[in-house]
Protein backbone atom coordinates (compact mmCIF):
# COMPACT_ATOMS: atom_id res chain seq x y z
CA MET A 1 10.23 11.92 8.83
CA ASP A 2 10.55 15.64 8.03
CA ASN A 3 7.36 16.38 6.07
CA SER A 4 8.82 19.44 4.36
CA ARG A 5 11.46 17.31 2.65
CA CYS A 6 9.33 14.35 1.66
CA ASP A 7 7.53 13.93 -1.66
CA TYR A 8 4.65 11.66 -0.65
CA ASP A 9 3.30 11.45 -4.19
CA LEU A 10 6.63 10.08 -5.39
CA LEU A 11 6.83 7.65 -2.46
CA GLU A 12 3.37 6.33 -3.32
CA ALA A 13 4.25 5.99 -7.01
CA VAL A 14 7.44 4.07 -6.16
CA ALA A 15 5.48 1.90 -3.73
CA ARG A 16 2.83 1.08 -6.37
CA LYS A 17 5.50 0.23 -8.94
CA LEU A 18 7.36 -2.05 -6.53
CA LYS A 19 4.11 -3.83 -5.70
CA GLN A 20 3.37 -4.28 -9.42
CA LEU A 21 6.83 -5.76 -9.99
CA ARG A 22 6.44 -8.15 -7.06
CA GLU A 23 2.98 -9.29 -8.14
CA ALA A 24 4.11 -9.72 -11.77
CA LYS A 25 6.71 -12.19 -10.50
CA GLY A 26 4.07 -13.99 -8.43
CA LEU A 27 5.96 -13.36 -5.20
CA SER A 28 4.53 -12.87 -1.73
CA GLN A 29 5.80 -10.15 0.57
CA ARG A 30 7.12 -12.89 2.85
CA ILE A 31 9.22 -14.44 0.08
CA VAL A 32 10.67 -11.05 -0.85
CA TYR A 33 11.54 -10.47 2.81
CA ILE A 34 13.20 -13.88 3.09
CA ASP A 35 15.19 -13.32 -0.10
CA THR A 36 16.17 -9.65 0.41
CA ASP A 37 15.80 -8.92 4.14
CA PHE A 38 13.66 -5.88 3.19
CA ASN A 39 10.24 -5.45 4.77
CA ILE A 40 8.54 -4.85 1.44
CA GLY A 41 5.17 -4.53 3.19
CA LYS A 42 6.25 -1.26 4.80
CA ILE A 43 7.75 -0.06 1.54
CA GLU A 44 4.66 -0.92 -0.54
CA VAL A 45 2.35 1.25 1.57
CA GLY A 46 4.43 4.31 0.67
CA LYS A 47 5.22 5.31 4.24
CA THR A 48 8.90 4.36 4.18
CA ASN A 49 11.35 6.67 2.43
CA ILE A 50 13.73 4.07 1.02
CA THR A 51 17.25 4.77 -0.16
CA ILE A 52 18.41 4.60 -3.75
CA SER A 53 20.60 1.65 -2.71
CA THR A 54 17.55 -0.25 -1.45
CA LEU A 55 15.61 0.60 -4.59
CA SER A 56 18.52 -0.55 -6.74
CA ARG A 57 18.74 -3.88 -4.90
CA LEU A 58 14.99 -4.41 -5.24
CA CYS A 59 15.12 -3.57 -8.96
CA ASN A 60 17.93 -6.09 -9.41
CA TYR A 61 15.91 -8.66 -7.48
CA TYR A 62 12.89 -8.08 -9.75
CA GLY A 63 15.06 -8.17 -12.88
CA THR A 64 14.82 -4.53 -13.92
CA SER A 65 17.16 -1.55 -13.94
CA LEU A 66 16.72 1.75 -12.16
CA LYS A 67 16.41 3.41 -15.58
CA GLU A 68 13.58 1.07 -16.61
CA PHE A 69 11.94 1.51 -13.22
CA PHE A 70 11.84 5.29 -13.48
CA ASP A 71 11.03 5.32 -17.22
CA GLU A 72 7.94 3.23 -16.50
CA LEU A 73 7.15 5.33 -13.42
CA ASP A 74 6.87 8.47 -15.56
CA GLN A 75 4.18 7.00 -17.80
């Protein structure tokens, strides 16, 4: 990953928020992987620069919108 083009603080904030959403639903990383085919473990440590499409699919899976996701991320 090109370090000059990566916002690690944002990646970590997104990772924390995704973990919060998963835990609020009482889901394990394994269940999320089975249901979505996304290795959420790699995403939740903030080392994987996910696409907007992936984030959108995960938001839909957790029952939230991208707008709500980022509104809550700003707080």
